[in-house]
Amino acid sequence: MYYENVMIKLSKVAKVSTVKTLDSERGKPMPSQSITAQEYQALLTERNDLIAKRDAADSEFMYQHYRRMLDVMDADYEKATRLNIQMEKREDREKSKAKREQLARKTSA
C-alpha cells in the first residue's frame, strides 16, 4: 500500500513538471529526449520479459514484485513510445521535404 501511494504521488509530480524537448540553439532533440530504434526495441523486449515473468509467477509475492516493476517501467515505456513517435514523424517530415524539393525541381525544369 505504501509503495502504491508513493507511486501516485510521484505520478502527480511528474505530470506537473515540464521538460524541454528541443535544444533551442540547434533545433535538435536533446540527448535525454531522443531515442534510437535499438533502444526502443530493447525497452520493449525488457517490458515483454517482465510481463512473461509476472504471468509465470508462482507466488503472490513474486507476482506483486513484477507488477510493481512493470508499474515503474510503464512510465519509461510511455516516454519511449512518445519519443519513438516523434522520431518517426521527424523522419517522415524529412522524407516529405526531400520529395517536395524533388518535385519542385522536376516541375521547374
C-alpha atoms as a PDB file:
ATOM      1  CA  MET A   1       0.000   0.000   0.000  1.00  0.00           C
ATOM      2  CA  TYR A   2       2.829   2.402   0.861  1.00  0.00           C
ATOM      3  CA  TYR A   3       4.543   1.751  -2.456  1.00  0.00           C
ATOM      4  CA  GLU A   4       1.346   2.490  -4.399  1.00  0.00           C
ATOM      5  CA  ASN A   5       0.839   5.778  -2.504  1.00  0.00           C
ATOM      6  CA  VAL A   6       4.386   6.831  -3.315  1.00  0.00           C
ATOM      7  CA  MET A   7       3.875   5.979  -6.989  1.00  0.00           C
ATOM      8  CA  ILE A   8       0.649   8.004  -7.073  1.00  0.00           C
ATOM      9  CA  LYS A   9       2.430  10.998  -5.547  1.00  0.00           C
ATOM     10  CA  LEU A  10       5.326  10.646  -7.983  1.00  0.00           C
ATOM     11  CA  SER A  11       2.982  10.410 -10.952  1.00  0.00           C
ATOM     12  CA  LYS A  12       1.239  13.621  -9.863  1.00  0.00           C
ATOM     13  CA  VAL A  13       4.593  15.388  -9.599  1.00  0.00           C
ATOM     14  CA  ALA A  14       5.686  14.070 -12.997  1.00  0.00           C
ATOM     15  CA  LYS A  15       2.566  15.461 -14.664  1.00  0.00           C
ATOM     16  CA  VAL A  16       3.260  18.922 -13.290  1.00  0.00           C
ATOM     17  CA  SER A  17       6.899  19.138 -14.336  1.00  0.00           C
ATOM     18  CA  THR A  18       7.794  20.325 -17.815  1.00  0.00           C
ATOM     19  CA  VAL A  19      10.611  19.009 -19.943  1.00  0.00           C
ATOM     20  CA  LYS A  20      12.393  20.996 -22.625  1.00  0.00           C
ATOM     21  CA  THR A  21      12.383  18.717 -25.649  1.00  0.00           C
ATOM     22  CA  LEU A  22      14.369  20.770 -28.138  1.00  0.00           C
ATOM     23  CA  ASP A  23      17.758  22.373 -27.928  1.00  0.00           C
ATOM     24  CA  SER A  24      16.831  25.952 -28.820  1.00  0.00           C
ATOM     25  CA  GLU A  25      20.220  26.649 -30.394  1.00  0.00           C
ATOM     26  CA  ARG A  26      20.187  23.798 -32.862  1.00  0.00           C
ATOM     27  CA  GLY A  27      16.536  22.772 -33.119  1.00  0.00           C
ATOM     28  CA  LYS A  28      17.501  19.150 -32.470  1.00  0.00           C
ATOM     29  CA  PRO A  29      16.243  16.892 -29.673  1.00  0.00           C
ATOM     30  CA  MET A  30      18.304  16.991 -26.507  1.00  0.00           C
ATOM     31  CA  PRO A  31      20.189  13.719 -25.829  1.00  0.00           C
ATOM     32  CA  SER A  32      17.927  12.823 -22.910  1.00  0.00           C
ATOM     33  CA  GLN A  33      14.879  13.429 -25.099  1.00  0.00           C
ATOM     34  CA  SER A  34      15.807  11.250 -28.061  1.00  0.00           C
ATOM     35  CA  ILE A  35      15.702   7.528 -28.617  1.00  0.00           C
ATOM     36  CA  THR A  36      17.095   5.174 -31.222  1.00  0.00           C
ATOM     37  CA  ALA A  37      15.199   2.294 -32.737  1.00  0.00           C
ATOM     38  CA  GLN A  38      17.551  -0.133 -30.973  1.00  0.00           C
ATOM     39  CA  GLU A  39      16.913   1.483 -27.583  1.00  0.00           C
ATOM     40  CA  TYR A  40      13.168   1.375 -28.142  1.00  0.00           C
ATOM     41  CA  GLN A  41      13.341  -2.294 -29.153  1.00  0.00           C
ATOM     42  CA  ALA A  42      15.464  -3.119 -26.074  1.00  0.00           C
ATOM     43  CA  LEU A  43      12.930  -1.414 -23.798  1.00  0.00           C
ATOM     44  CA  LEU A  44      10.058  -3.236 -25.472  1.00  0.00           C
ATOM     45  CA  THR A  45      11.833  -6.594 -25.118  1.00  0.00           C
ATOM     46  CA  GLU A  46      12.603  -5.914 -21.456  1.00  0.00           C
ATOM     47  CA  ARG A  47       8.988  -4.953 -20.780  1.00  0.00           C
ATOM     48  CA  ASN A  48       7.700  -8.108 -22.510  1.00  0.00           C
ATOM     49  CA  ASP A  49      10.105 -10.202 -20.426  1.00  0.00           C
ATOM     50  CA  LEU A  50       8.720  -8.664 -17.231  1.00  0.00           C
ATOM     51  CA  ILE A  51       5.169  -9.367 -18.364  1.00  0.00           C
ATOM     52  CA  ALA A  52       6.090 -13.001 -19.036  1.00  0.00           C
ATOM     53  CA  LYS A  53       7.768 -13.300 -15.627  1.00  0.00           C
ATOM     54  CA  ARG A  54       4.742 -11.730 -13.911  1.00  0.00           C
ATOM     55  CA  ASP A  55       2.383 -14.141 -15.660  1.00  0.00           C
ATOM     56  CA  ALA A  56       4.615 -17.116 -14.789  1.00  0.00           C
ATOM     57  CA  ALA A  57       4.996 -16.129 -11.114  1.00  0.00           C
ATOM     58  CA  ASP A  58       4.159 -18.987  -8.743  1.00  0.00           C
ATOM     59  CA  SER A  59       3.660 -16.895  -5.617  1.00  0.00           C
ATOM     60  CA  GLU A  60       1.748 -13.758  -4.718  1.00  0.00           C
ATOM     61  CA  PHE A  61       4.957 -12.067  -3.595  1.00  0.00           C
ATOM     62  CA  MET A  62       6.695 -12.549  -6.950  1.00  0.00           C
ATOM     63  CA  TYR A  63       3.557 -11.595  -8.871  1.00  0.00           C
ATOM     64  CA  GLN A  64       3.320  -8.320  -6.922  1.00  0.00           C
ATOM     65  CA  HIS A  65       7.070  -7.760  -7.335  1.00  0.00           C
ATOM     66  CA  TYR A  66       6.861  -7.991 -11.128  1.00  0.00           C
ATOM     67  CA  ARG A  67       3.657  -5.931 -11.169  1.00  0.00           C
ATOM     68  CA  ARG A  68       5.403  -3.117  -9.274  1.00  0.00           C
ATOM     69  CA  MET A  69       8.402  -3.297 -11.597  1.00  0.00           C
ATOM     70  CA  LEU A  70       6.055  -3.032 -14.569  1.00  0.00           C
ATOM     71  CA  ASP A  71       4.282  -0.065 -12.995  1.00  0.00           C
ATOM     72  CA  VAL A  72       7.584   1.775 -12.730  1.00  0.00           C
ATOM     73  CA  MET A  73       8.691   0.694 -16.172  1.00  0.00           C
ATOM     74  CA  ASP A  74       5.437   1.857 -17.749  1.00  0.00           C
ATOM     75  CA  ALA A  75       6.471   5.491 -17.229  1.00  0.00           C
ATOM     76  CA  ASP A  76       9.649   4.896 -19.231  1.00  0.00           C
ATOM     77  CA  TYR A  77       7.717   2.851 -21.778  1.00  0.00           C
ATOM     78  CA  GLU A  78       5.257   5.716 -22.307  1.00  0.00           C
ATOM     79  CA  LYS A  79       8.122   8.176 -22.694  1.00  0.00           C
ATOM     80  CA  ALA A  80       9.931   5.864 -25.122  1.00  0.00           C
ATOM     81  CA  THR A  81       6.774   5.359 -27.157  1.00  0.00           C
ATOM     82  CA  ARG A  82       6.197   9.119 -27.335  1.00  0.00           C
ATOM     83  CA  LEU A  83       9.829   9.698 -28.355  1.00  0.00           C
ATOM     84  CA  ASN A  84       9.620   6.917 -30.938  1.00  0.00           C
ATOM     85  CA  ILE A  85       6.553   8.549 -32.483  1.00  0.00           C
ATOM     86  CA  GLN A  86       8.345  11.914 -32.531  1.00  0.00           C
ATOM     87  CA  MET A  87      11.337  10.272 -34.224  1.00  0.00           C
ATOM     88  CA  GLU A  88       9.084   8.661 -36.860  1.00  0.00           C
ATOM     89  CA  LYS A  89       7.323  11.979 -37.524  1.00  0.00           C
ATOM     90  CA  ARG A  90      10.664  13.775 -37.837  1.00  0.00           C
ATOM     91  CA  GLU A  91      11.886  11.183 -40.351  1.00  0.00           C
ATOM     92  CA  ASP A  92       8.613  11.443 -42.260  1.00  0.00           C
ATOM     93  CA  ARG A  93       8.903  15.260 -42.401  1.00  0.00           C
ATOM     94  CA  GLU A  94      12.448  14.953 -43.752  1.00  0.00           C
ATOM     95  CA  LYS A  95      11.327  12.486 -46.435  1.00  0.00           C
ATOM     96  CA  SER A  96       8.375  14.692 -47.347  1.00  0.00           C
ATOM     97  CA  LYS A  97      10.601  17.751 -47.608  1.00  0.00           C
ATOM     98  CA  ALA A  98      13.038  15.902 -49.876  1.00  0.00           C
ATOM     99  CA  LYS A  99      10.177  14.663 -52.049  1.00  0.00           C
ATOM    100  CA  ARG A 100       8.669  18.176 -52.332  1.00  0.00           C
ATOM    101  CA  GLU A 101      12.064  19.594 -53.304  1.00  0.00           C
ATOM    102  CA  GLN A 102      12.500  16.847 -55.893  1.00  0.00           C
ATOM    103  CA  LEU A 103       9.064  17.552 -57.373  1.00  0.00           C
ATOM    104  CA  ALA A 104       9.711  21.309 -57.372  1.00  0.00           C
ATOM    105  CA  ARG A 105      12.955  20.805 -59.313  1.00  0.00           C
ATOM    106  CA  LYS A 106      11.183  18.473 -61.728  1.00  0.00           C
ATOM    107  CA  THR A 107       8.386  20.950 -62.454  1.00  0.00           C
ATOM    108  CA  SER A 108      10.775  23.915 -62.820  1.00  0.00           C
ATOM    109  CA  ALA A 109      12.985  22.066 -65.334  1.00  0.00           C
END
